[in-house]
Amino acid sequence: MTEDQKSMGEDKDEAAIAAQIAEQNDRFRTTWGADFSVPGQIVLTRGVADLRPSAKAIIMQRVQQFSEFTEDNDPYGDHTFGAFEFEIAGSAYHIFWKIDLYDTAYNMGSDNPADLSVTRRVLTVLHASEY
């Protein structure tokens, strides 16, 4: 096997793993953590937590329905980040969400992010200015 063939095989493996992680991240995010087969936590920063309930409801819905993944916001194809803007009652918001993949104790990054038995997700929702 040539080095080019090895590299192509590794690229396919990485793409398959990224697709598997993306599917898991989407299940976690779109169910707002209610799919217990994909364990994790959802965290709102203080800035988001302090918003009116109507703004938080819009944010939750927009995070769950987010599908505008591009090369710019999802370069690895694993659906770990999204950004959107919205306006309510004359106030404009620029919101980011991100998913980090931890070990089961939430101490460090997961050694095998595609393996649900050793990975816990943390979905953080924040104002862009808090990033």
N, C-alpha and C. Protein backbone atom coordinates (compact mmCIF):
# COMPACT_ATOMS: atom_id res chain seq x y z
N MET A 1 0.85 -1.18 0.00
CA MET A 1 0.00 0.00 0.00
C MET A 1 0.90 1.24 0.00
N THR A 2 0.58 2.18 -0.89
CA THR A 2 1.38 3.40 -0.97
C THR A 2 0.99 4.37 0.13
N GLU A 3 1.83 5.37 0.34
CA GLU A 3 1.53 6.40 1.34
C GLU A 3 0.25 7.16 0.98
N ASP A 4 0.04 7.40 -0.31
CA ASP A 4 -1.18 8.09 -0.75
C ASP A 4 -2.42 7.26 -0.44
N GLN A 5 -2.35 5.96 -0.64
CA GLN A 5 -3.48 5.09 -0.33
C GLN A 5 -3.75 5.06 1.17
N LYS A 6 -2.68 5.02 1.97
CA LYS A 6 -2.85 5.07 3.42
C LYS A 6 -3.53 6.36 3.84
N SER A 7 -3.06 7.46 3.28
CA SER A 7 -3.61 8.77 3.62
C SER A 7 -5.08 8.85 3.24
N MET A 8 -5.44 8.33 2.08
CA MET A 8 -6.84 8.34 1.65
C MET A 8 -7.70 7.50 2.59
N GLY A 9 -7.18 6.36 3.03
CA GLY A 9 -7.91 5.52 3.96
C GLY A 9 -8.10 6.20 5.30
N GLU A 10 -7.07 6.88 5.77
CA GLU A 10 -7.16 7.61 7.04
C GLU A 10 -8.16 8.75 6.92
N ASP A 11 -8.18 9.45 5.78
CA ASP A 11 -9.14 10.53 5.56
C ASP A 11 -10.57 10.00 5.61
N LYS A 12 -10.80 8.82 4.99
CA LYS A 12 -12.13 8.22 5.01
C LYS A 12 -12.52 7.84 6.44
N ASP A 13 -11.57 7.28 7.20
CA ASP A 13 -11.84 6.92 8.59
C ASP A 13 -12.19 8.16 9.40
N GLU A 14 -11.41 9.24 9.23
CA GLU A 14 -11.68 10.48 9.95
C GLU A 14 -13.04 11.05 9.57
N ALA A 15 -13.38 11.00 8.29
CA ALA A 15 -14.68 11.50 7.83
C ALA A 15 -15.81 10.67 8.42
N ALA A 16 -15.63 9.35 8.49
CA ALA A 16 -16.67 8.48 9.06
C ALA A 16 -16.85 8.77 10.55
N ILE A 17 -15.76 8.97 11.26
CA ILE A 17 -15.83 9.28 12.69
C ILE A 17 -16.50 10.64 12.88
N ALA A 18 -16.12 11.62 12.08
CA ALA A 18 -16.74 12.95 12.18
C ALA A 18 -18.24 12.87 11.91
N ALA A 19 -18.65 12.06 10.94
CA ALA A 19 -20.07 11.90 10.64
C ALA A 19 -20.81 11.24 11.81
N GLN A 20 -20.18 10.26 12.44
CA GLN A 20 -20.78 9.59 13.59
C GLN A 20 -20.93 10.57 14.76
N ILE A 21 -19.90 11.37 15.02
CA ILE A 21 -19.97 12.37 16.08
C ILE A 21 -21.03 13.42 15.75
N ALA A 22 -21.11 13.83 14.49
CA ALA A 22 -22.12 14.81 14.07
C ALA A 22 -23.53 14.28 14.34
N GLU A 23 -23.76 13.02 14.01
CA GLU A 23 -25.08 12.42 14.23
C GLU A 23 -25.40 12.41 15.73
N GLN A 24 -24.43 12.06 16.56
CA GLN A 24 -24.65 12.04 18.01
C GLN A 24 -24.89 13.46 18.53
N ASN A 25 -24.08 14.41 18.07
CA ASN A 25 -24.25 15.80 18.49
C ASN A 25 -25.62 16.32 18.09
N ASP A 26 -26.05 15.99 16.88
CA ASP A 26 -27.37 16.43 16.42
C ASP A 26 -28.48 15.83 17.27
N ARG A 27 -28.36 14.56 17.60
CA ARG A 27 -29.39 13.92 18.47
C ARG A 27 -29.44 14.61 19.82
N PHE A 28 -28.27 14.89 20.40
CA PHE A 28 -28.22 15.55 21.70
C PHE A 28 -28.83 16.95 21.61
N ARG A 29 -28.40 17.71 20.63
CA ARG A 29 -28.82 19.11 20.49
C ARG A 29 -30.29 19.23 20.12
N THR A 30 -30.75 18.45 19.15
CA THR A 30 -32.13 18.60 18.68
C THR A 30 -33.16 18.12 19.70
N THR A 31 -32.76 17.25 20.61
CA THR A 31 -33.68 16.80 21.67
C THR A 31 -33.46 17.58 22.96
N TRP A 32 -32.52 18.54 22.92
CA TRP A 32 -32.18 19.35 24.10
C TRP A 32 -31.82 18.43 25.27
N GLY A 33 -31.08 17.38 24.96
CA GLY A 33 -30.58 16.45 25.96
C GLY A 33 -31.58 15.40 26.41
N ALA A 34 -32.76 15.36 25.81
CA ALA A 34 -33.79 14.41 26.25
C ALA A 34 -33.57 13.01 25.69
N ASP A 35 -32.67 12.85 24.73
CA ASP A 35 -32.32 11.52 24.22
C ASP A 35 -31.20 11.00 25.12
N PHE A 36 -31.55 10.21 26.10
CA PHE A 36 -30.58 9.78 27.11
C PHE A 36 -29.55 8.80 26.58
N SER A 37 -29.71 8.35 25.33
CA SER A 37 -28.69 7.49 24.74
C SER A 37 -27.43 8.30 24.40
N VAL A 38 -27.55 9.62 24.39
CA VAL A 38 -26.41 10.52 24.16
C VAL A 38 -26.28 11.38 25.41
N PRO A 39 -25.51 10.92 26.41
CA PRO A 39 -25.46 11.62 27.69
C PRO A 39 -24.70 12.94 27.64
N GLY A 40 -25.17 13.87 28.47
CA GLY A 40 -24.49 15.15 28.56
C GLY A 40 -25.27 16.16 29.38
N GLN A 41 -24.79 17.39 29.32
CA GLN A 41 -25.38 18.50 30.06
C GLN A 41 -25.57 19.68 29.12
N ILE A 42 -26.53 20.55 29.49
CA ILE A 42 -26.72 21.80 28.77
C ILE A 42 -26.45 22.93 29.74
N VAL A 43 -25.64 23.88 29.28
CA VAL A 43 -25.22 25.00 30.12
C VAL A 43 -25.55 26.30 29.42
N LEU A 44 -26.17 27.21 30.14
CA LEU A 44 -26.39 28.56 29.65
C LEU A 44 -25.44 29.48 30.41
N THR A 45 -24.75 30.35 29.69
CA THR A 45 -23.91 31.32 30.40
C THR A 45 -24.81 32.27 31.18
N ARG A 46 -24.25 33.01 32.09
CA ARG A 46 -25.02 33.95 32.91
C ARG A 46 -25.77 34.93 32.01
N GLY A 47 -25.11 35.41 30.96
CA GLY A 47 -25.75 36.36 30.06
C GLY A 47 -27.00 35.81 29.40
N VAL A 48 -26.99 34.56 29.03
CA VAL A 48 -28.16 33.93 28.42
C VAL A 48 -29.18 33.54 29.49
N ALA A 49 -28.72 33.02 30.60
CA ALA A 49 -29.63 32.61 31.68
C ALA A 49 -30.44 33.79 32.21
N ASP A 50 -29.88 34.99 32.16
CA ASP A 50 -30.56 36.18 32.68
C ASP A 50 -31.57 36.79 31.70
N LEU A 51 -31.67 36.26 30.50
CA LEU A 51 -32.63 36.80 29.53
C LEU A 51 -34.06 36.46 29.91
N ARG A 52 -34.99 37.19 29.34
CA ARG A 52 -36.42 36.92 29.56
C ARG A 52 -36.76 35.51 29.07
N PRO A 53 -37.75 34.89 29.69
CA PRO A 53 -38.15 33.54 29.25
C PRO A 53 -38.49 33.47 27.75
N SER A 54 -39.10 34.50 27.20
CA SER A 54 -39.45 34.47 25.77
C SER A 54 -38.20 34.42 24.90
N ALA A 55 -37.15 35.13 25.27
CA ALA A 55 -35.90 35.10 24.52
C ALA A 55 -35.24 33.73 24.66
N LYS A 56 -35.25 33.18 25.86
CA LYS A 56 -34.65 31.85 26.07
C LYS A 56 -35.41 30.78 25.29
N ALA A 57 -36.71 30.90 25.17
CA ALA A 57 -37.49 29.93 24.40
C ALA A 57 -37.11 29.99 22.92
N ILE A 58 -36.92 31.19 22.40
CA ILE A 58 -36.49 31.34 21.00
C ILE A 58 -35.11 30.74 20.82
N ILE A 59 -34.22 31.01 21.75
CA ILE A 59 -32.85 30.48 21.67
C ILE A 59 -32.87 28.96 21.68
N MET A 60 -33.63 28.37 22.58
CA MET A 60 -33.69 26.90 22.65
C MET A 60 -34.19 26.34 21.32
N GLN A 61 -35.24 26.93 20.78
CA GLN A 61 -35.80 26.46 19.51
C GLN A 61 -34.79 26.61 18.38
N ARG A 62 -34.10 27.73 18.33
CA ARG A 62 -33.14 27.97 17.24
C ARG A 62 -31.94 27.03 17.34
N VAL A 63 -31.48 26.75 18.57
CA VAL A 63 -30.38 25.80 18.74
C VAL A 63 -30.83 24.41 18.27
N GLN A 64 -32.02 24.00 18.69
CA GLN A 64 -32.53 22.68 18.30
C GLN A 64 -32.71 22.55 16.79
N GLN A 65 -33.14 23.60 16.14
CA GLN A 65 -33.44 23.54 14.72
C GLN A 65 -32.27 23.95 13.83
N PHE A 66 -31.14 24.30 14.41
CA PHE A 66 -30.01 24.78 13.63
C PHE A 66 -29.58 23.73 12.61
N SER A 67 -29.40 24.17 11.36
CA SER A 67 -28.97 23.24 10.31
C SER A 67 -28.06 23.90 9.29
N GLU A 68 -27.63 25.12 9.56
CA GLU A 68 -26.83 25.87 8.59
C GLU A 68 -25.34 25.58 8.75
N PHE A 69 -24.97 24.32 8.70
CA PHE A 69 -23.56 23.95 8.83
C PHE A 69 -22.85 24.20 7.50
N THR A 70 -21.72 24.88 7.60
CA THR A 70 -20.92 25.20 6.41
C THR A 70 -19.47 24.86 6.70
N GLU A 71 -18.65 24.96 5.67
CA GLU A 71 -17.21 24.75 5.84
C GLU A 71 -16.63 25.75 6.84
N ASP A 72 -17.19 26.97 6.88
CA ASP A 72 -16.69 28.01 7.79
C ASP A 72 -17.00 27.72 9.25
N ASN A 73 -18.24 27.28 9.55
CA ASN A 73 -18.60 27.08 10.95
C ASN A 73 -18.50 25.62 11.40
N ASP A 74 -18.21 24.73 10.46
CA ASP A 74 -18.12 23.30 10.78
C ASP A 74 -17.00 22.65 9.96
N PRO A 75 -15.77 23.13 10.13
CA PRO A 75 -14.67 22.64 9.27
C PRO A 75 -14.37 21.16 9.41
N TYR A 76 -14.70 20.55 10.55
CA TYR A 76 -14.41 19.13 10.76
C TYR A 76 -15.61 18.24 10.47
N GLY A 77 -16.77 18.84 10.21
CA GLY A 77 -17.96 18.07 9.88
C GLY A 77 -18.59 17.36 11.06
N ASP A 78 -18.32 17.83 12.29
CA ASP A 78 -18.83 17.13 13.48
C ASP A 78 -19.97 17.86 14.19
N HIS A 79 -20.43 18.96 13.63
CA HIS A 79 -21.58 19.71 14.16
C HIS A 79 -21.40 20.11 15.63
N THR A 80 -20.25 20.70 15.96
CA THR A 80 -19.98 21.11 17.34
C THR A 80 -20.16 22.60 17.57
N PHE A 81 -20.58 23.36 16.56
CA PHE A 81 -20.70 24.81 16.74
C PHE A 81 -21.78 25.36 15.83
N GLY A 82 -22.46 26.39 16.32
CA GLY A 82 -23.42 27.11 15.50
C GLY A 82 -23.56 28.54 16.00
N ALA A 83 -24.02 29.41 15.13
CA ALA A 83 -24.23 30.82 15.47
C ALA A 83 -25.47 31.31 14.74
N PHE A 84 -26.22 32.20 15.39
CA PHE A 84 -27.39 32.79 14.76
C PHE A 84 -27.71 34.10 15.46
N GLU A 85 -28.53 34.89 14.79
CA GLU A 85 -28.99 36.17 15.34
C GLU A 85 -30.50 36.17 15.32
N PHE A 86 -31.08 36.91 16.26
CA PHE A 86 -32.52 37.11 16.24
C PHE A 86 -32.83 38.40 16.99
N GLU A 87 -34.05 38.87 16.80
CA GLU A 87 -34.49 40.10 17.45
C GLU A 87 -35.83 39.84 18.10
N ILE A 88 -36.01 40.37 19.30
CA ILE A 88 -37.28 40.26 19.99
C ILE A 88 -37.47 41.53 20.83
N ALA A 89 -38.64 42.09 20.75
CA ALA A 89 -39.01 43.28 21.52
C ALA A 89 -37.97 44.39 21.39
N GLY A 90 -37.46 44.57 20.16
CA GLY A 90 -36.51 45.65 19.92
C GLY A 90 -35.08 45.38 20.34
N SER A 91 -34.81 44.21 20.88
CA SER A 91 -33.44 43.84 21.27
C SER A 91 -32.90 42.80 20.31
N ALA A 92 -31.66 43.01 19.86
CA ALA A 92 -31.01 42.07 18.95
C ALA A 92 -30.02 41.22 19.72
N TYR A 93 -29.95 39.94 19.36
CA TYR A 93 -29.06 39.00 20.03
C TYR A 93 -28.23 38.25 19.00
N HIS A 94 -26.97 38.07 19.29
CA HIS A 94 -26.07 37.24 18.47
C HIS A 94 -25.64 36.10 19.37
N ILE A 95 -26.11 34.90 19.08
CA ILE A 95 -25.95 33.74 19.96
C ILE A 95 -25.01 32.71 19.33
N PHE A 96 -24.15 32.15 20.14
CA PHE A 96 -23.32 31.01 19.76
C PHE A 96 -23.76 29.81 20.58
N TRP A 97 -23.62 28.63 20.03
CA TRP A 97 -23.71 27.40 20.83
C TRP A 97 -22.53 26.53 20.42
N LYS A 98 -22.05 25.75 21.38
CA LYS A 98 -20.95 24.84 21.08
C LYS A 98 -21.11 23.58 21.90
N ILE A 99 -20.59 22.50 21.36
CA ILE A 99 -20.63 21.22 22.06
C ILE A 99 -19.19 20.77 22.28
N ASP A 100 -18.85 20.52 23.54
CA ASP A 100 -17.54 19.98 23.90
C ASP A 100 -17.74 18.52 24.32
N LEU A 101 -16.75 17.70 24.01
CA LEU A 101 -16.83 16.26 24.26
C LEU A 101 -15.84 15.88 25.35
N TYR A 102 -16.36 15.47 26.49
CA TYR A 102 -15.56 15.17 27.68
C TYR A 102 -15.55 13.68 28.01
N ASP A 103 -14.66 13.32 28.93
CA ASP A 103 -14.70 11.98 29.50
C ASP A 103 -15.92 11.89 30.43
N THR A 104 -16.19 10.72 31.00
CA THR A 104 -17.40 10.52 31.80
C THR A 104 -17.40 11.31 33.10
N ALA A 105 -16.23 11.73 33.56
CA ALA A 105 -16.14 12.53 34.78
C ALA A 105 -16.15 14.04 34.48
N TYR A 106 -16.24 14.41 33.23
CA TYR A 106 -16.20 15.81 32.80
C TYR A 106 -14.90 16.50 33.22
N ASN A 107 -13.81 15.76 33.29
CA ASN A 107 -12.52 16.32 33.69
C ASN A 107 -11.66 16.75 32.52
N MET A 108 -11.72 16.01 31.42
CA MET A 108 -10.88 16.31 30.26
C MET A 108 -11.57 15.82 29.01
N GLY A 109 -10.98 16.10 27.87
CA GLY A 109 -11.54 15.65 26.62
C GLY A 109 -11.63 14.15 26.54
N SER A 110 -12.63 13.67 25.82
CA SER A 110 -12.82 12.23 25.66
C SER A 110 -11.70 11.63 24.82
N ASP A 111 -11.22 10.46 25.22
CA ASP A 111 -10.21 9.74 24.44
C ASP A 111 -10.78 9.18 23.15
N ASN A 112 -12.10 8.93 23.14
CA ASN A 112 -12.75 8.36 21.97
C ASN A 112 -14.12 9.04 21.81
N PRO A 113 -14.15 10.25 21.23
CA PRO A 113 -15.39 11.03 21.18
C PRO A 113 -16.58 10.36 20.50
N ALA A 114 -16.35 9.38 19.64
CA ALA A 114 -17.45 8.71 18.96
C ALA A 114 -18.07 7.60 19.81
N ASP A 115 -17.43 7.23 20.89
CA ASP A 115 -17.91 6.15 21.75
C ASP A 115 -18.78 6.74 22.87
N LEU A 116 -20.09 6.50 22.79
CA LEU A 116 -21.03 7.06 23.76
C LEU A 116 -20.79 6.56 25.18
N SER A 117 -20.16 5.41 25.33
CA SER A 117 -19.95 4.86 26.68
C SER A 117 -18.82 5.59 27.42
N VAL A 118 -17.99 6.32 26.71
CA VAL A 118 -16.87 7.01 27.37
C VAL A 118 -16.89 8.53 27.13
N THR A 119 -17.97 9.03 26.53
CA THR A 119 -18.03 10.44 26.17
C THR A 119 -19.29 11.10 26.74
N ARG A 120 -19.10 12.30 27.26
CA ARG A 120 -20.21 13.13 27.74
C ARG A 120 -20.14 14.46 27.02
N ARG A 121 -21.28 14.93 26.58
CA ARG A 121 -21.35 16.20 25.87
C ARG A 121 -21.74 17.33 26.81
N VAL A 122 -21.18 18.49 26.53
CA VAL A 122 -21.61 19.71 27.21
C VAL A 122 -21.96 20.70 26.10
N LEU A 123 -23.26 21.02 26.02
CA LEU A 123 -23.75 22.01 25.07
C LEU A 123 -23.83 23.33 25.82
N THR A 124 -23.03 24.31 25.40
CA THR A 124 -23.00 25.61 26.02
C THR A 124 -23.64 26.62 25.08
N VAL A 125 -24.56 27.42 25.61
CA VAL A 125 -25.22 28.47 24.84
C VAL A 125 -24.79 29.80 25.43
N LEU A 126 -24.32 30.71 24.57
CA LEU A 126 -23.75 31.96 25.05
C LEU A 126 -23.96 33.09 24.07
N HIS A 127 -23.86 34.32 24.57
CA HIS A 127 -23.82 35.49 23.70
C HIS A 127 -22.49 35.46 22.96
N ALA A 128 -22.49 35.92 21.74
CA ALA A 128 -21.22 35.98 20.98
C ALA A 128 -20.17 36.78 21.74
N SER A 129 -20.60 37.81 22.45
CA SER A 129 -19.65 38.65 23.20
C SER A 129 -19.04 37.93 24.40
N GLU A 130 -19.63 36.79 24.79
CA GLU A 130 -19.10 36.02 25.93
C GLU A 130 -18.08 34.96 25.49
N TYR A 131 -17.85 34.84 24.19
CA TYR A 131 -16.96 33.79 23.68
C TYR A 131 -15.52 34.13 23.97
